[in-house]
């Protein structure tokens, strides 16, 4: 039930916080010649983080000439892989929810539905782990590539001590951090659901049937052994009506208890 409720929501948060991201940073270059300065250099970037395609202009502090630069790195593969897994997981969880609610009988028919569900759940658990780990590494590289101090090192004007280069605004990465968190939460959710889906398959039920059968076979073979035969029963020596069970010497003759008083009474 938790899978039905939380899986679509967690998948939405994962791909929305990553795929819908757009951010930017602002730098300032204060040249020795103030007329050549640029105190507001805006650099914007967004998903899928092909930073090498993000271009911006910066002053060279050598007359009016400006240089065209670009950020470093292409992190689209890990970001797109993460979003793709999130979208497909969202679509499958929606389809599974519809089947659980409206087609429960067909889902259990011939045990095919639970088996397919089990295999898909295992696959998505693995893909969530891989994609979340890859995107966590990619996000770390994105943070380094968009660090204002690192971007300032790309400018030729900032290599001269007479010029002052400062970061004005850093990019906000809180939504991207949230996407990584939800990626690993999705992995925990799908991996935890493996056991519950496995219980619906025929593999689990057949394993439960084999265990009692084995115990019954062991107990029957034990009962056929010498310990549970009628060695202690009616044919055995201990339970036969022997001298202690029959009316023997101790049970029959009461001469020891009666002869004494009778003879004493006759004498009197």
C-alpha atoms as a PDB file:
ATOM      1  CA  UNK A   1       0.000   0.000   0.000  1.00  0.00           C
ATOM      2  CA  UNK A   2       2.884   2.366   0.757  1.00  0.00           C
ATOM      3  CA  UNK A   3       4.291   1.631  -2.677  1.00  0.00           C
ATOM      4  CA  UNK A   4       1.006   2.609  -4.327  1.00  0.00           C
ATOM      5  CA  UNK A   5       0.819   5.896  -2.415  1.00  0.00           C
ATOM      6  CA  UNK A   6       4.415   7.107  -2.248  1.00  0.00           C
ATOM      7  CA  UNK A   7       6.071   5.779  -5.409  1.00  0.00           C
ATOM      8  CA  UNK A   8       4.345   8.200  -7.830  1.00  0.00           C
ATOM      9  CA  UNK A   9       4.867  11.137  -5.462  1.00  0.00           C
ATOM     10  CA  UNK A  10       8.545  10.419  -4.862  1.00  0.00           C
ATOM     11  CA  UNK A  11       9.129   9.980  -8.594  1.00  0.00           C
ATOM     12  CA  UNK A  12       7.434  13.321  -9.336  1.00  0.00           C
ATOM     13  CA  UNK A  13       9.594  15.132  -6.782  1.00  0.00           C
ATOM     14  CA  UNK A  14      12.722  13.487  -8.184  1.00  0.00           C
ATOM     15  CA  UNK A  15      12.326  14.449 -11.828  1.00  0.00           C
ATOM     16  CA  UNK A  16      10.614  17.798 -11.152  1.00  0.00           C
ATOM     17  CA  UNK A  17      13.360  19.131  -8.889  1.00  0.00           C
ATOM     18  CA  UNK A  18      16.062  18.079 -11.348  1.00  0.00           C
ATOM     19  CA  UNK A  19      14.446  18.476 -14.768  1.00  0.00           C
ATOM     20  CA  UNK A  20      12.865  21.821 -13.948  1.00  0.00           C
ATOM     21  CA  UNK A  21      16.010  23.473 -12.592  1.00  0.00           C
ATOM     22  CA  UNK A  22      17.385  26.763 -13.895  1.00  0.00           C
ATOM     23  CA  UNK A  23      19.920  28.889 -12.103  1.00  0.00           C
ATOM     24  CA  UNK A  24      22.684  31.371 -12.570  1.00  0.00           C
ATOM     25  CA  UNK A  25      25.515  33.335 -11.058  1.00  0.00           C
ATOM     26  CA  UNK A  26      26.727  36.896 -11.254  1.00  0.00           C
ATOM     27  CA  UNK A  27      30.292  38.172 -11.368  1.00  0.00           C
ATOM     28  CA  UNK A  28      31.929  41.594 -11.370  1.00  0.00           C
ATOM     29  CA  UNK A  29      35.175  42.689 -12.988  1.00  0.00           C
ATOM     30  CA  UNK A  30      36.493  46.038 -11.788  1.00  0.00           C
ATOM     31  CA  UNK A  31      39.273  47.095 -14.118  1.00  0.00           C
ATOM     32  CA  UNK A  32      41.980  49.595 -13.261  1.00  0.00           C
ATOM     33  CA  UNK A  33      40.426  51.762 -15.927  1.00  0.00           C
ATOM     34  CA  UNK A  34      36.899  52.130 -14.546  1.00  0.00           C
ATOM     35  CA  UNK A  35      35.390  52.766 -17.967  1.00  0.00           C
ATOM     36  CA  UNK A  36      36.307  49.225 -18.992  1.00  0.00           C
ATOM     37  CA  UNK A  37      34.749  47.556 -15.933  1.00  0.00           C
ATOM     38  CA  UNK A  38      31.704  45.327 -15.938  1.00  0.00           C
ATOM     39  CA  UNK A  39      30.178  44.908 -12.488  1.00  0.00           C
ATOM     40  CA  UNK A  40      27.289  42.686 -13.537  1.00  0.00           C
ATOM     41  CA  UNK A  41      28.179  39.633 -15.607  1.00  0.00           C
ATOM     42  CA  UNK A  42      25.224  37.254 -15.517  1.00  0.00           C
ATOM     43  CA  UNK A  43      25.700  33.591 -16.411  1.00  0.00           C
ATOM     44  CA  UNK A  44      22.573  31.424 -16.616  1.00  0.00           C
ATOM     45  CA  UNK A  45      22.436  27.657 -16.957  1.00  0.00           C
ATOM     46  CA  UNK A  46      19.744  24.978 -16.653  1.00  0.00           C
ATOM     47  CA  UNK A  47      18.936  21.312 -17.085  1.00  0.00           C
ATOM     48  CA  UNK A  48      20.410  19.192 -18.748  1.00  0.00           C
ATOM     49  CA  UNK A  49      23.627  20.990 -17.662  1.00  0.00           C
ATOM     50  CA  UNK A  50      25.562  21.122 -20.919  1.00  0.00           C
ATOM     51  CA  UNK A  51      27.734  23.789 -19.407  1.00  0.00           C
ATOM     52  CA  UNK A  52      30.196  23.881 -22.295  1.00  0.00           C
ATOM     53  CA  UNK A  53      27.380  25.407 -24.344  1.00  0.00           C
ATOM     54  CA  UNK A  54      26.796  28.228 -21.835  1.00  0.00           C
ATOM     55  CA  UNK A  55      28.562  31.307 -23.237  1.00  0.00           C
ATOM     56  CA  UNK A  56      29.134  34.723 -21.698  1.00  0.00           C
ATOM     57  CA  UNK A  57      31.140  37.864 -22.422  1.00  0.00           C
ATOM     58  CA  UNK A  58      33.729  39.308 -20.077  1.00  0.00           C
ATOM     59  CA  UNK A  59      35.891  42.447 -20.263  1.00  0.00           C
ATOM     60  CA  UNK A  60      39.606  42.083 -20.855  1.00  0.00           C
ATOM     61  CA  UNK A  61      40.427  45.442 -19.231  1.00  0.00           C
ATOM     62  CA  UNK A  62      42.424  46.211 -22.381  1.00  0.00           C
ATOM     63  CA  UNK A  63      40.393  48.884 -24.085  1.00  0.00           C
ATOM     64  CA  UNK A  64      36.852  48.112 -25.141  1.00  0.00           C
ATOM     65  CA  UNK A  65      37.675  44.603 -26.245  1.00  0.00           C
ATOM     66  CA  UNK A  66      35.713  41.792 -24.670  1.00  0.00           C
ATOM     67  CA  UNK A  67      36.321  38.059 -24.723  1.00  0.00           C
ATOM     68  CA  UNK A  68      33.800  35.315 -25.225  1.00  0.00           C
ATOM     69  CA  UNK A  69      34.036  32.478 -22.725  1.00  0.00           C
ATOM     70  CA  UNK A  70      32.044  29.396 -21.790  1.00  0.00           C
ATOM     71  CA  UNK A  71      31.674  27.233 -18.751  1.00  0.00           C
ATOM     72  CA  UNK A  72      33.438  23.885 -18.550  1.00  0.00           C
ATOM     73  CA  UNK A  73      31.841  20.446 -18.534  1.00  0.00           C
ATOM     74  CA  UNK A  74      28.951  18.422 -19.911  1.00  0.00           C
ATOM     75  CA  UNK A  75      26.909  16.685 -17.215  1.00  0.00           C
ATOM     76  CA  UNK A  76      23.832  15.961 -19.270  1.00  0.00           C
ATOM     77  CA  UNK A  77      24.278  12.177 -19.313  1.00  0.00           C
ATOM     78  CA  UNK A  78      23.863  11.632 -15.566  1.00  0.00           C
ATOM     79  CA  UNK A  79      21.108  14.249 -15.266  1.00  0.00           C
ATOM     80  CA  UNK A  80      19.086  12.902 -18.211  1.00  0.00           C
ATOM     81  CA  UNK A  81      19.551   9.319 -17.036  1.00  0.00           C
ATOM     82  CA  UNK A  82      18.232  10.245 -13.606  1.00  0.00           C
ATOM     83  CA  UNK A  83      15.200  12.080 -14.991  1.00  0.00           C
ATOM     84  CA  UNK A  84      14.448   9.268 -17.457  1.00  0.00           C
ATOM     85  CA  UNK A  85      14.393   6.659 -14.697  1.00  0.00           C
ATOM     86  CA  UNK A  86      12.173   8.919 -12.584  1.00  0.00           C
ATOM     87  CA  UNK A  87       9.680   9.404 -15.425  1.00  0.00           C
ATOM     88  CA  UNK A  88       9.456   5.708 -16.277  1.00  0.00           C
ATOM     89  CA  UNK A  89       9.157   4.795 -12.589  1.00  0.00           C
ATOM     90  CA  UNK A  90       6.316   7.300 -12.259  1.00  0.00           C
ATOM     91  CA  UNK A  91       4.490   5.848 -15.277  1.00  0.00           C
ATOM     92  CA  UNK A  92       4.934   2.260 -14.104  1.00  0.00           C
ATOM     93  CA  UNK A  93       3.800   3.023 -10.562  1.00  0.00           C
ATOM     94  CA  UNK A  94       0.673   4.700 -11.940  1.00  0.00           C
ATOM     95  CA  UNK A  95      -0.060   1.705 -14.148  1.00  0.00           C
ATOM     96  CA  UNK A  96       0.554  -0.672 -11.235  1.00  0.00           C
ATOM     97  CA  UNK A  97      -1.799   1.349  -9.048  1.00  0.00           C
ATOM     98  CA  UNK A  98      -4.574   1.028 -11.616  1.00  0.00           C
ATOM     99  CA  UNK A  99      -3.998  -2.728 -11.896  1.00  0.00           C
ATOM    100  CA  UNK A 100      -3.957  -3.214  -8.113  1.00  0.00           C
ATOM    101  CA  UNK A 101      -7.251  -1.382  -7.692  1.00  0.00           C
ATOM    102  CA  UNK A 102      -9.329  -2.322 -10.732  1.00  0.00           C
ATOM    103  CA  UNK A 103      -7.785  -5.523 -12.121  1.00  0.00           C
ATOM    104  CA  UNK A 104      -6.837  -7.508  -9.027  1.00  0.00           C
ATOM    105  CA  UNK A 105      -8.235 -10.793 -10.365  1.00  0.00           C
ATOM    106  CA  UNK A 106      -6.370 -10.575 -13.643  1.00  0.00           C
ATOM    107  CA  UNK A 107      -3.249  -9.541 -11.750  1.00  0.00           C
ATOM    108  CA  UNK A 108      -3.242 -12.826  -9.819  1.00  0.00           C
ATOM    109  CA  UNK A 109      -4.317 -14.971 -12.741  1.00  0.00           C
ATOM    110  CA  UNK A 110      -1.759 -17.702 -13.563  1.00  0.00           C
ATOM    111  CA  UNK A 111       0.703 -15.964 -11.213  1.00  0.00           C
ATOM    112  CA  UNK A 112       1.974 -13.976 -14.209  1.00  0.00           C
ATOM    113  CA  UNK A 113       1.169 -10.534 -12.823  1.00  0.00           C
ATOM    114  CA  UNK A 114       3.072 -10.913  -9.530  1.00  0.00           C
ATOM    115  CA  UNK A 115       6.096 -12.381 -11.325  1.00  0.00           C
ATOM    116  CA  UNK A 116       6.272  -9.482 -13.777  1.00  0.00           C
ATOM    117  CA  UNK A 117       5.774  -7.015 -10.935  1.00  0.00           C
ATOM    118  CA  UNK A 118       8.552  -8.648  -8.927  1.00  0.00           C
ATOM    119  CA  UNK A 119      11.050  -8.539 -11.809  1.00  0.00           C
ATOM    120  CA  UNK A 120      10.228  -4.932 -12.685  1.00  0.00           C
ATOM    121  CA  UNK A 121      10.525  -3.889  -9.026  1.00  0.00           C
ATOM    122  CA  UNK A 122      13.988  -5.438  -8.756  1.00  0.00           C
ATOM    123  CA  UNK A 123      15.092  -3.736 -11.990  1.00  0.00           C
ATOM    124  CA  UNK A 124      13.807  -0.319 -10.920  1.00  0.00           C
ATOM    125  CA  UNK A 125      15.455  -0.675  -7.503  1.00  0.00           C
ATOM    126  CA  UNK A 126      18.801  -1.253  -9.197  1.00  0.00           C
ATOM    127  CA  UNK A 127      18.256   1.589 -11.680  1.00  0.00           C
ATOM    128  CA  UNK A 128      17.298   4.008  -8.903  1.00  0.00           C
ATOM    129  CA  UNK A 129      20.507   3.202  -7.060  1.00  0.00           C
ATOM    130  CA  UNK A 130      22.680   3.612 -10.158  1.00  0.00           C
ATOM    131  CA  UNK A 131      21.004   6.768 -11.442  1.00  0.00           C
ATOM    132  CA  UNK A 132      20.938   8.449  -8.013  1.00  0.00           C
ATOM    133  CA  UNK A 133      24.615   7.703  -7.431  1.00  0.00           C
ATOM    134  CA  UNK A 134      25.552   8.935 -10.903  1.00  0.00           C
ATOM    135  CA  UNK A 135      23.510  12.109 -10.520  1.00  0.00           C
ATOM    136  CA  UNK A 136      24.975  12.772  -7.047  1.00  0.00           C
ATOM    137  CA  UNK A 137      28.454  12.669  -8.617  1.00  0.00           C
ATOM    138  CA  UNK A 138      27.270  14.791 -11.546  1.00  0.00           C
ATOM    139  CA  UNK A 139      25.760  17.376  -9.221  1.00  0.00           C
ATOM    140  CA  UNK A 140      29.036  17.606  -7.324  1.00  0.00           C
ATOM    141  CA  UNK A 141      30.816  18.344 -10.618  1.00  0.00           C
ATOM    142  CA  UNK A 142      28.165  20.910 -11.575  1.00  0.00           C
ATOM    143  CA  UNK A 143      28.723  22.738  -8.311  1.00  0.00           C
ATOM    144  CA  UNK A 144      32.445  22.895  -8.967  1.00  0.00           C
ATOM    145  CA  UNK A 145      32.032  24.039 -12.577  1.00  0.00           C
ATOM    146  CA  UNK A 146      29.601  26.806 -11.603  1.00  0.00           C
ATOM    147  CA  UNK A 147      31.492  27.977  -8.552  1.00  0.00           C
ATOM    148  CA  UNK A 148      32.031  31.744  -9.067  1.00  0.00           C
ATOM    149  CA  UNK A 149      35.629  31.533  -7.892  1.00  0.00           C
ATOM    150  CA  UNK A 150      36.323  28.842 -10.505  1.00  0.00           C
ATOM    151  CA  UNK A 151      34.614  30.825 -13.250  1.00  0.00           C
ATOM    152  CA  UNK A 152      36.631  33.926 -12.438  1.00  0.00           C
ATOM    153  CA  UNK A 153      39.799  31.965 -13.153  1.00  0.00           C
ATOM    154  CA  UNK A 154      38.673  31.648 -16.781  1.00  0.00           C
ATOM    155  CA  UNK A 155      38.861  35.426 -17.342  1.00  0.00           C
ATOM    156  CA  UNK A 156      42.119  36.919 -18.530  1.00  0.00           C
ATOM    157  CA  UNK A 157      41.358  40.212 -16.757  1.00  0.00           C
ATOM    158  CA  UNK A 158      41.260  38.426 -13.389  1.00  0.00           C
ATOM    159  CA  UNK A 159      44.832  37.224 -13.860  1.00  0.00           C
ATOM    160  CA  UNK A 160      46.101  40.775 -13.497  1.00  0.00           C
ATOM    161  CA  UNK A 161      46.485  42.008  -9.949  1.00  0.00           C
ATOM    162  CA  UNK A 162      45.500  45.539 -10.889  1.00  0.00           C
ATOM    163  CA  UNK A 163      41.969  44.373 -11.623  1.00  0.00           C
ATOM    164  CA  UNK A 164      39.456  43.264  -8.993  1.00  0.00           C
ATOM    165  CA  UNK A 165      37.244  40.307  -9.763  1.00  0.00           C
ATOM    166  CA  UNK A 166      34.544  39.372  -7.263  1.00  0.00           C
ATOM    167  CA  UNK A 167      31.572  36.985  -7.138  1.00  0.00           C
ATOM    168  CA  UNK A 168      28.285  38.828  -6.709  1.00  0.00           C
ATOM    169  CA  UNK A 169      25.800  35.947  -6.558  1.00  0.00           C
ATOM    170  CA  UNK A 170      26.261  32.198  -6.367  1.00  0.00           C
ATOM    171  CA  UNK A 171      23.828  29.694  -7.900  1.00  0.00           C
ATOM    172  CA  UNK A 172      21.197  28.196  -5.587  1.00  0.00           C
ATOM    173  CA  UNK A 173      21.399  24.401  -5.639  1.00  0.00           C
ATOM    174  CA  UNK A 174      18.806  23.491  -2.999  1.00  0.00           C
ATOM    175  CA  UNK A 175      16.348  21.957  -5.478  1.00  0.00           C
ATOM    176  CA  UNK A 176      19.109  19.857  -7.033  1.00  0.00           C
ATOM    177  CA  UNK A 177      20.123  18.625  -3.595  1.00  0.00           C
ATOM    178  CA  UNK A 178      16.478  17.709  -3.019  1.00  0.00           C
ATOM    179  CA  UNK A 179      16.434  15.695  -6.239  1.00  0.00           C
ATOM    180  CA  UNK A 180      19.354  13.582  -5.038  1.00  0.00           C
ATOM    181  CA  UNK A 181      17.627  12.966  -1.697  1.00  0.00           C
ATOM    182  CA  UNK A 182      14.440  11.856  -3.423  1.00  0.00           C
ATOM    183  CA  UNK A 183      16.464   9.652  -5.739  1.00  0.00           C
ATOM    184  CA  UNK A 184      17.815   7.633  -2.845  1.00  0.00           C
ATOM    185  CA  UNK A 185      14.406   7.672  -1.124  1.00  0.00           C
ATOM    186  CA  UNK A 186      12.976   6.118  -4.277  1.00  0.00           C
ATOM    187  CA  UNK A 187      15.655   3.431  -4.126  1.00  0.00           C
ATOM    188  CA  UNK A 188      14.783   2.648  -0.492  1.00  0.00           C
ATOM    189  CA  UNK A 189      11.061   2.563  -1.325  1.00  0.00           C
ATOM    190  CA  UNK A 190      11.424   0.249  -4.319  1.00  0.00           C
ATOM    191  CA  UNK A 191      13.986  -2.000  -2.633  1.00  0.00           C
ATOM    192  CA  UNK A 192      11.785  -2.325   0.445  1.00  0.00           C
ATOM    193  CA  UNK A 193       8.850  -3.285  -1.736  1.00  0.00           C
ATOM    194  CA  UNK A 194      10.727  -6.261  -3.217  1.00  0.00           C
ATOM    195  CA  UNK A 195       9.820  -8.498  -0.263  1.00  0.00           C
ATOM    196  CA  UNK A 196       6.123  -7.616  -0.387  1.00  0.00           C
ATOM    197  CA  UNK A 197       5.937  -8.259  -4.121  1.00  0.00           C
ATOM    198  CA  UNK A 198       7.854 -11.517  -3.687  1.00  0.00           C
ATOM    199  CA  UNK A 199       5.225 -12.717  -1.208  1.00  0.00           C
ATOM    200  CA  UNK A 200       2.617 -12.391  -3.954  1.00  0.00           C
ATOM    201  CA  UNK A 201       4.516 -14.673  -6.346  1.00  0.00           C
ATOM    202  CA  UNK A 202       4.225 -18.442  -6.651  1.00  0.00           C
ATOM    203  CA  UNK A 203       7.853 -18.825  -5.592  1.00  0.00           C
ATOM    204  CA  UNK A 204       7.023 -17.760  -2.047  1.00  0.00           C
ATOM    205  CA  UNK A 205       3.862 -19.880  -1.788  1.00  0.00           C
ATOM    206  CA  UNK A 206       5.588 -22.966  -3.229  1.00  0.00           C
ATOM    207  CA  UNK A 207       8.394 -22.562  -0.730  1.00  0.00           C
ATOM    208  CA  UNK A 208       5.871 -22.514   2.097  1.00  0.00           C
ATOM    209  CA  UNK A 209       4.200 -25.685   0.757  1.00  0.00           C
ATOM    210  CA  UNK A 210       7.480 -27.593   0.493  1.00  0.00           C
ATOM    211  CA  UNK A 211       8.469 -26.894   4.079  1.00  0.00           C
ATOM    212  CA  UNK A 212       5.451 -28.672   5.748  1.00  0.00           C
ATOM    213  CA  UNK A 213       5.731 -31.576   3.288  1.00  0.00           C
ATOM    214  CA  UNK A 214       9.327 -32.120   4.305  1.00  0.00           C
ATOM    215  CA  UNK A 215       8.407 -32.054   7.981  1.00  0.00           C
ATOM    216  CA  UNK A 216       5.616 -34.572   7.417  1.00  0.00           C
ATOM    217  CA  UNK A 217       7.947 -36.936   5.574  1.00  0.00           C
ATOM    218  CA  UNK A 218      10.487 -36.716   8.376  1.00  0.00           C
ATOM    219  CA  UNK A 219       7.876 -37.341  11.063  1.00  0.00           C
ATOM    220  CA  UNK A 220       6.383 -40.320   9.181  1.00  0.00           C
ATOM    221  CA  UNK A 221       9.787 -41.927   8.753  1.00  0.00           C
ATOM    222  CA  UNK A 222      10.445 -41.369  12.442  1.00  0.00           C
ATOM    223  CA  UNK A 223       7.127 -42.949  13.411  1.00  0.00           C
ATOM    224  CA  UNK A 224       7.959 -46.042  11.380  1.00  0.00           C
ATOM    225  CA  UNK A 225      11.111 -46.616  13.389  1.00  0.00           C
ATOM    226  CA  UNK A 226      11.557 -48.800  16.441  1.00  0.00           C
ATOM    227  CA  UNK A 227      10.795 -46.071  18.959  1.00  0.00           C
ATOM    228  CA  UNK A 228       7.147 -45.615  18.048  1.00  0.00           C
ATOM    229  CA  UNK A 229       6.271 -49.234  17.365  1.00  0.00           C
ATOM    230  CA  UNK A 230       4.309 -51.131  19.905  1.00  0.00           C
ATOM    231  CA  UNK A 231       7.375 -52.298  21.752  1.00  0.00           C
ATOM    232  CA  UNK A 232       6.054 -50.574  24.852  1.00  0.00           C
ATOM    233  CA  UNK A 233       2.457 -51.281  23.965  1.00  0.00           C
ATOM    234  CA  UNK A 234       0.268 -54.324  24.583  1.00  0.00           C
ATOM    235  CA  UNK A 235       2.815 -56.717  23.016  1.00  0.00           C
ATOM    236  CA  UNK A 236       5.757 -55.372  25.011  1.00  0.00           C
ATOM    237  CA  UNK A 237       7.073 -56.610  28.208  1.00  0.00           C
ATOM    238  CA  UNK A 238       6.413 -53.502  30.229  1.00  0.00           C
ATOM    239  CA  UNK A 239       2.757 -53.110  29.367  1.00  0.00           C
ATOM    240  CA  UNK A 240       1.820 -56.767  29.366  1.00  0.00           C
ATOM    241  CA  UNK A 241      -0.440 -57.831  32.154  1.00  0.00           C
ATOM    242  CA  UNK A 242       2.318 -59.419  34.179  1.00  0.00           C
ATOM    243  CA  UNK A 243       2.768 -60.384  37.777  1.00  0.00           C
ATOM    244  CA  UNK A 244       2.259 -56.812  38.947  1.00  0.00           C
ATOM    245  CA  UNK A 245      -0.918 -56.319  36.914  1.00  0.00           C
ATOM    246  CA  UNK A 246      -2.539 -59.720  37.508  1.00  0.00           C
ATOM    247  CA  UNK A 247      -3.954 -60.951  40.718  1.00  0.00           C
ATOM    248  CA  UNK A 248      -0.794 -62.597  41.982  1.00  0.00           C
ATOM    249  CA  UNK A 249       0.633 -63.392  45.319  1.00  0.00           C
ATOM    250  CA  UNK A 250       0.321 -59.877  46.577  1.00  0.00           C
ATOM    251  CA  UNK A 251      -3.147 -59.308  45.216  1.00  0.00           C
ATOM    252  CA  UNK A 252      -4.837 -62.676  45.772  1.00  0.00           C
ATOM    253  CA  UNK A 253      -4.141 -64.364  49.021  1.00  0.00           C
ATOM    254  CA  UNK A 254      -5.192 -62.357  51.890  1.00  0.00           C
ATOM    255  CA  UNK A 255      -4.266 -65.164  54.201  1.00  0.00           C
ATOM    256  CA  UNK A 256      -1.616 -62.993  55.681  1.00  0.00           C
ATOM    257  CA  UNK A 257      -4.163 -60.370  56.464  1.00  0.00           C
ATOM    258  CA  UNK A 258      -7.058 -62.682  57.566  1.00  0.00           C
ATOM    259  CA  UNK A 259      -5.676 -65.964  58.957  1.00  0.00           C
ATOM    260  CA  UNK A 260      -4.090 -64.412  61.969  1.00  0.00           C
ATOM    261  CA  UNK A 261      -7.141 -62.765  63.476  1.00  0.00           C
ATOM    262  CA  UNK A 262      -9.415 -65.755  62.644  1.00  0.00           C
ATOM    263  CA  UNK A 263      -7.307 -68.343  64.438  1.00  0.00           C
ATOM    264  CA  UNK A 264      -6.946 -66.034  67.435  1.00  0.00           C
ATOM    265  CA  UNK A 265     -10.698 -65.717  67.648  1.00  0.00           C
ATOM    266  CA  UNK A 266     -11.231 -69.501  67.530  1.00  0.00           C
ATOM    267  CA  UNK A 267      -8.773 -69.985  70.319  1.00  0.00           C
ATOM    268  CA  UNK A 268     -10.682 -67.577  72.447  1.00  0.00           C
END
